[in-house]
Amino acid sequence: MAEVVRWSAQDGPVRESELRARLEQRGYVVSRYVYPPGTVFSDHTHAVDKIDAVVSGTFRLVLEGTAVLLGPGDWVAVPRGARHSAEVVGNEPVVSLDAVRRVRQGRGAAPA
């Protein structure tokens, strides 16, 4: 099930640097992408645990059959092997932070 983590109004306006820092503190390596309106990612999986986060715009993500809308500051964990798809909703580009679980050297184990 897709559990969305929402940005709290108490945190103030969504700031990319703050969202990035929160993901990095959880042990993720973060990359930034901008997807134009009309972008669609068909069903796929990843071999790593990841998080899809939105800085601005609206992203519709379907994770294992459950659809969620991600807006500014929202993120959802996508476990390795989970089938999912995504698309940009509306006429505004989506600025996305794509976070991949950092792997420890030696045994290949991910931090908790």
N, C-alpha and C. Protein backbone atom coordinates (compact mmCIF):
# COMPACT_ATOMS: atom_id res chain seq x y z
N MET A 1 0.84 -1.19 0.00
CA MET A 1 0.00 0.00 0.00
C MET A 1 0.88 1.24 0.00
N ALA A 2 0.48 2.23 -0.74
CA ALA A 2 1.24 3.47 -0.86
C ALA A 2 0.88 4.41 0.28
N GLU A 3 1.82 4.65 1.17
CA GLU A 3 1.59 5.58 2.27
C GLU A 3 2.31 6.89 1.97
N VAL A 4 1.54 7.94 1.79
CA VAL A 4 2.10 9.23 1.43
C VAL A 4 2.50 9.99 2.69
N VAL A 5 3.71 10.54 2.69
CA VAL A 5 4.15 11.43 3.75
C VAL A 5 3.92 12.84 3.23
N ARG A 6 3.13 13.61 3.96
CA ARG A 6 2.76 14.97 3.52
C ARG A 6 3.60 16.01 4.26
N TRP A 7 3.91 17.08 3.55
CA TRP A 7 4.60 18.23 4.14
C TRP A 7 3.63 18.90 5.10
N SER A 8 4.08 19.22 6.27
CA SER A 8 3.22 19.85 7.27
C SER A 8 3.19 21.35 7.08
N ALA A 9 2.02 21.94 7.20
CA ALA A 9 1.89 23.40 7.12
C ALA A 9 2.73 24.07 8.21
N GLN A 10 2.94 23.37 9.31
CA GLN A 10 3.76 23.92 10.41
C GLN A 10 5.22 24.05 10.00
N ASP A 11 5.64 23.32 8.94
CA ASP A 11 7.01 23.40 8.45
C ASP A 11 7.24 24.62 7.57
N GLY A 12 6.16 25.34 7.27
CA GLY A 12 6.27 26.50 6.39
C GLY A 12 6.24 26.07 4.94
N PRO A 13 6.64 26.98 4.03
CA PRO A 13 6.60 26.65 2.60
C PRO A 13 7.57 25.52 2.27
N VAL A 14 7.23 24.74 1.25
CA VAL A 14 8.10 23.65 0.82
C VAL A 14 9.38 24.24 0.25
N ARG A 15 10.49 23.75 0.77
CA ARG A 15 11.81 24.17 0.29
C ARG A 15 12.55 22.93 -0.19
N GLU A 16 13.03 22.99 -1.42
CA GLU A 16 13.73 21.85 -1.99
C GLU A 16 14.90 21.41 -1.11
N SER A 17 15.66 22.36 -0.60
CA SER A 17 16.81 22.02 0.23
C SER A 17 16.41 21.26 1.49
N GLU A 18 15.30 21.64 2.09
CA GLU A 18 14.82 20.97 3.31
C GLU A 18 14.30 19.57 2.98
N LEU A 19 13.56 19.43 1.90
CA LEU A 19 13.05 18.12 1.50
C LEU A 19 14.22 17.19 1.19
N ARG A 20 15.20 17.70 0.46
CA ARG A 20 16.40 16.91 0.14
C ARG A 20 17.11 16.46 1.42
N ALA A 21 17.27 17.37 2.37
CA ALA A 21 17.95 17.05 3.62
C ALA A 21 17.21 15.95 4.39
N ARG A 22 15.89 16.01 4.40
CA ARG A 22 15.10 14.98 5.10
C ARG A 22 15.31 13.60 4.48
N LEU A 23 15.37 13.54 3.16
CA LEU A 23 15.59 12.26 2.49
C LEU A 23 17.01 11.75 2.71
N GLU A 24 17.98 12.64 2.65
CA GLU A 24 19.37 12.24 2.88
C GLU A 24 19.57 11.75 4.31
N GLN A 25 18.89 12.38 5.28
CA GLN A 25 18.99 11.95 6.67
C GLN A 25 18.45 10.53 6.87
N ARG A 26 17.59 10.10 5.98
CA ARG A 26 17.02 8.75 6.04
C ARG A 26 17.92 7.72 5.34
N GLY A 27 19.05 8.18 4.79
CA GLY A 27 19.99 7.27 4.16
C GLY A 27 19.83 7.11 2.66
N TYR A 28 19.30 8.15 2.01
CA TYR A 28 19.09 8.10 0.56
C TYR A 28 20.02 9.05 -0.18
N VAL A 29 20.39 8.66 -1.40
CA VAL A 29 21.12 9.53 -2.32
C VAL A 29 20.06 10.15 -3.22
N VAL A 30 20.07 11.48 -3.34
CA VAL A 30 18.97 12.20 -3.97
C VAL A 30 19.40 12.84 -5.29
N SER A 31 18.58 12.65 -6.32
CA SER A 31 18.77 13.31 -7.61
C SER A 31 17.53 14.13 -7.92
N ARG A 32 17.73 15.23 -8.64
CA ARG A 32 16.63 16.14 -8.99
C ARG A 32 16.29 15.98 -10.47
N TYR A 33 14.98 15.89 -10.76
CA TYR A 33 14.50 15.81 -12.14
C TYR A 33 13.35 16.77 -12.34
N VAL A 34 13.20 17.25 -13.58
CA VAL A 34 12.05 18.07 -13.95
C VAL A 34 11.34 17.35 -15.09
N TYR A 35 10.04 17.07 -14.89
CA TYR A 35 9.24 16.37 -15.88
C TYR A 35 8.18 17.32 -16.44
N PRO A 36 8.14 17.51 -17.75
CA PRO A 36 7.14 18.41 -18.35
C PRO A 36 5.74 17.80 -18.32
N PRO A 37 4.72 18.65 -18.46
CA PRO A 37 3.35 18.15 -18.56
C PRO A 37 3.26 17.07 -19.65
N GLY A 38 2.46 16.05 -19.37
CA GLY A 38 2.30 14.97 -20.34
C GLY A 38 3.25 13.81 -20.13
N THR A 39 4.24 13.95 -19.24
CA THR A 39 5.18 12.87 -18.98
C THR A 39 4.45 11.69 -18.32
N VAL A 40 4.69 10.49 -18.86
CA VAL A 40 4.09 9.27 -18.32
C VAL A 40 5.17 8.21 -18.19
N PHE A 41 5.20 7.54 -17.05
CA PHE A 41 6.07 6.40 -16.83
C PHE A 41 5.18 5.18 -16.70
N SER A 42 5.25 4.26 -17.65
CA SER A 42 4.41 3.06 -17.60
C SER A 42 4.88 2.12 -16.48
N ASP A 43 4.09 1.07 -16.22
CA ASP A 43 4.43 0.12 -15.17
C ASP A 43 5.88 -0.34 -15.28
N HIS A 44 6.57 -0.30 -14.13
CA HIS A 44 7.95 -0.76 -14.07
C HIS A 44 8.30 -1.08 -12.62
N THR A 45 9.48 -1.64 -12.41
CA THR A 45 10.00 -1.93 -11.08
C THR A 45 11.44 -1.45 -11.01
N HIS A 46 11.97 -1.41 -9.79
CA HIS A 46 13.38 -1.07 -9.57
C HIS A 46 14.01 -2.14 -8.69
N ALA A 47 15.30 -2.31 -8.81
CA ALA A 47 16.02 -3.29 -8.01
C ALA A 47 16.51 -2.70 -6.69
N VAL A 48 16.10 -1.46 -6.41
CA VAL A 48 16.51 -0.77 -5.19
C VAL A 48 15.30 -0.16 -4.51
N ASP A 49 15.41 0.07 -3.20
CA ASP A 49 14.40 0.83 -2.48
C ASP A 49 14.57 2.29 -2.85
N LYS A 50 13.46 2.99 -3.09
CA LYS A 50 13.57 4.40 -3.45
C LYS A 50 12.41 5.19 -2.90
N ILE A 51 12.52 6.49 -3.00
CA ILE A 51 11.45 7.41 -2.62
C ILE A 51 11.24 8.36 -3.77
N ASP A 52 9.97 8.59 -4.13
CA ASP A 52 9.61 9.62 -5.10
C ASP A 52 9.03 10.78 -4.30
N ALA A 53 9.65 11.96 -4.42
CA ALA A 53 9.20 13.15 -3.70
C ALA A 53 8.94 14.27 -4.71
N VAL A 54 8.01 15.16 -4.36
CA VAL A 54 7.63 16.25 -5.25
C VAL A 54 7.96 17.58 -4.60
N VAL A 55 8.70 18.41 -5.32
CA VAL A 55 9.01 19.77 -4.87
C VAL A 55 7.91 20.72 -5.34
N SER A 56 7.50 20.57 -6.60
CA SER A 56 6.42 21.40 -7.14
C SER A 56 5.71 20.63 -8.24
N GLY A 57 4.46 21.03 -8.50
CA GLY A 57 3.64 20.33 -9.47
C GLY A 57 2.87 19.21 -8.82
N THR A 58 2.22 18.37 -9.65
CA THR A 58 1.42 17.25 -9.16
C THR A 58 1.78 16.00 -9.93
N PHE A 59 2.07 14.94 -9.19
CA PHE A 59 2.47 13.66 -9.74
C PHE A 59 1.44 12.62 -9.29
N ARG A 60 0.90 11.85 -10.22
CA ARG A 60 0.01 10.73 -9.88
C ARG A 60 0.84 9.46 -9.94
N LEU A 61 0.92 8.76 -8.82
CA LEU A 61 1.69 7.53 -8.72
C LEU A 61 0.74 6.38 -8.41
N VAL A 62 0.88 5.28 -9.14
CA VAL A 62 0.12 4.07 -8.86
C VAL A 62 1.12 3.03 -8.41
N LEU A 63 1.01 2.63 -7.14
CA LEU A 63 1.95 1.69 -6.54
C LEU A 63 1.19 0.43 -6.15
N GLU A 64 1.52 -0.68 -6.83
CA GLU A 64 0.86 -1.96 -6.55
C GLU A 64 -0.66 -1.82 -6.57
N GLY A 65 -1.17 -1.03 -7.53
CA GLY A 65 -2.60 -0.89 -7.72
C GLY A 65 -3.26 0.22 -6.92
N THR A 66 -2.53 0.88 -6.05
CA THR A 66 -3.08 1.99 -5.25
C THR A 66 -2.59 3.31 -5.82
N ALA A 67 -3.54 4.18 -6.22
CA ALA A 67 -3.20 5.47 -6.81
C ALA A 67 -3.16 6.55 -5.73
N VAL A 68 -2.14 7.41 -5.81
CA VAL A 68 -2.03 8.56 -4.91
C VAL A 68 -1.61 9.78 -5.73
N LEU A 69 -2.01 10.95 -5.26
CA LEU A 69 -1.56 12.21 -5.85
C LEU A 69 -0.52 12.80 -4.91
N LEU A 70 0.63 13.14 -5.49
CA LEU A 70 1.71 13.77 -4.73
C LEU A 70 1.80 15.23 -5.15
N GLY A 71 1.72 16.13 -4.18
CA GLY A 71 1.89 17.55 -4.42
C GLY A 71 3.15 18.04 -3.75
N PRO A 72 3.37 19.34 -3.72
CA PRO A 72 4.59 19.90 -3.15
C PRO A 72 4.85 19.42 -1.72
N GLY A 73 6.05 18.84 -1.52
CA GLY A 73 6.48 18.37 -0.22
C GLY A 73 6.10 16.94 0.08
N ASP A 74 5.26 16.33 -0.75
CA ASP A 74 4.81 14.96 -0.51
C ASP A 74 5.83 13.95 -1.03
N TRP A 75 5.88 12.80 -0.37
CA TRP A 75 6.71 11.71 -0.88
C TRP A 75 6.13 10.37 -0.50
N VAL A 76 6.55 9.35 -1.27
CA VAL A 76 6.12 7.99 -1.03
C VAL A 76 7.29 7.04 -1.25
N ALA A 77 7.41 6.06 -0.36
CA ALA A 77 8.45 5.04 -0.50
C ALA A 77 8.00 4.00 -1.52
N VAL A 78 8.91 3.63 -2.39
CA VAL A 78 8.66 2.60 -3.40
C VAL A 78 9.65 1.47 -3.14
N PRO A 79 9.20 0.39 -2.52
CA PRO A 79 10.11 -0.72 -2.21
C PRO A 79 10.66 -1.38 -3.48
N ARG A 80 11.85 -1.92 -3.37
CA ARG A 80 12.43 -2.64 -4.52
C ARG A 80 11.46 -3.72 -4.98
N GLY A 81 11.34 -3.84 -6.28
CA GLY A 81 10.47 -4.86 -6.86
C GLY A 81 9.00 -4.50 -6.93
N ALA A 82 8.60 -3.37 -6.35
CA ALA A 82 7.18 -2.97 -6.37
C ALA A 82 6.81 -2.42 -7.74
N ARG A 83 5.77 -2.95 -8.33
CA ARG A 83 5.30 -2.48 -9.64
C ARG A 83 4.61 -1.13 -9.45
N HIS A 84 5.01 -0.15 -10.26
CA HIS A 84 4.42 1.17 -10.15
C HIS A 84 4.50 1.91 -11.48
N SER A 85 3.66 2.95 -11.58
CA SER A 85 3.67 3.85 -12.74
C SER A 85 3.47 5.26 -12.21
N ALA A 86 3.71 6.24 -13.06
CA ALA A 86 3.55 7.63 -12.63
C ALA A 86 3.27 8.51 -13.83
N GLU A 87 2.64 9.66 -13.55
CA GLU A 87 2.40 10.63 -14.62
C GLU A 87 2.27 12.02 -14.03
N VAL A 88 2.67 13.01 -14.81
CA VAL A 88 2.49 14.40 -14.44
C VAL A 88 1.03 14.76 -14.67
N VAL A 89 0.42 15.39 -13.67
CA VAL A 89 -0.98 15.80 -13.74
C VAL A 89 -1.03 17.32 -13.92
N GLY A 90 -1.82 17.77 -14.86
CA GLY A 90 -2.00 19.21 -15.06
C GLY A 90 -1.01 19.80 -16.03
N ASN A 91 -0.97 21.14 -16.06
CA ASN A 91 -0.15 21.88 -17.03
C ASN A 91 1.16 22.40 -16.47
N GLU A 92 1.46 22.06 -15.23
CA GLU A 92 2.70 22.52 -14.59
C GLU A 92 3.72 21.38 -14.58
N PRO A 93 4.99 21.67 -14.87
CA PRO A 93 6.01 20.63 -14.76
C PRO A 93 6.11 20.15 -13.31
N VAL A 94 6.60 18.93 -13.15
CA VAL A 94 6.86 18.40 -11.82
C VAL A 94 8.36 18.45 -11.57
N VAL A 95 8.73 19.10 -10.48
CA VAL A 95 10.11 19.04 -10.00
C VAL A 95 10.12 17.93 -8.96
N SER A 96 10.92 16.91 -9.23
CA SER A 96 10.92 15.69 -8.43
C SER A 96 12.29 15.43 -7.83
N LEU A 97 12.28 14.90 -6.60
CA LEU A 97 13.50 14.38 -6.01
C LEU A 97 13.37 12.87 -6.00
N ASP A 98 14.29 12.22 -6.68
CA ASP A 98 14.32 10.77 -6.79
C ASP A 98 15.40 10.29 -5.83
N ALA A 99 15.00 9.58 -4.79
CA ALA A 99 15.93 9.18 -3.74
C ALA A 99 16.11 7.66 -3.76
N VAL A 100 17.37 7.23 -3.81
CA VAL A 100 17.70 5.80 -3.85
C VAL A 100 18.43 5.45 -2.56
N ARG A 101 18.02 4.35 -1.95
CA ARG A 101 18.63 3.92 -0.69
C ARG A 101 20.13 3.74 -0.87
N ARG A 102 20.89 4.38 -0.01
CA ARG A 102 22.35 4.28 -0.01
C ARG A 102 22.73 2.86 0.42
N VAL A 103 23.69 2.26 -0.27
CA VAL A 103 24.13 0.90 0.05
C VAL A 103 25.46 0.97 0.77
N ARG A 104 25.58 0.23 1.87
CA ARG A 104 26.85 0.18 2.62
C ARG A 104 27.87 -0.61 1.83
N GLN A 105 29.12 -0.22 1.97
CA GLN A 105 30.20 -0.95 1.32
C GLN A 105 30.44 -2.25 2.08
N GLY A 106 30.89 -3.26 1.37
CA GLY A 106 31.26 -4.52 2.01
C GLY A 106 30.20 -5.59 1.82
N ARG A 107 29.12 -5.51 2.55
CA ARG A 107 28.11 -6.57 2.51
C ARG A 107 26.93 -6.22 1.61
N GLY A 108 26.83 -4.98 1.14
CA GLY A 108 25.73 -4.61 0.29
C GLY A 108 24.44 -4.38 1.04
N ALA A 109 24.53 -4.30 2.35
CA ALA A 109 23.33 -4.09 3.16
C ALA A 109 22.99 -2.61 3.21
N ALA A 110 21.74 -2.31 3.16
CA ALA A 110 21.27 -0.92 3.25
C ALA A 110 21.12 -0.54 4.71
N PRO A 111 21.39 0.73 5.05
CA PRO A 111 21.21 1.16 6.44
C PRO A 111 19.73 1.15 6.81
N ALA A 112 19.48 1.01 8.07
CA ALA A 112 18.09 0.98 8.56
C ALA A 112 17.46 2.35 8.58
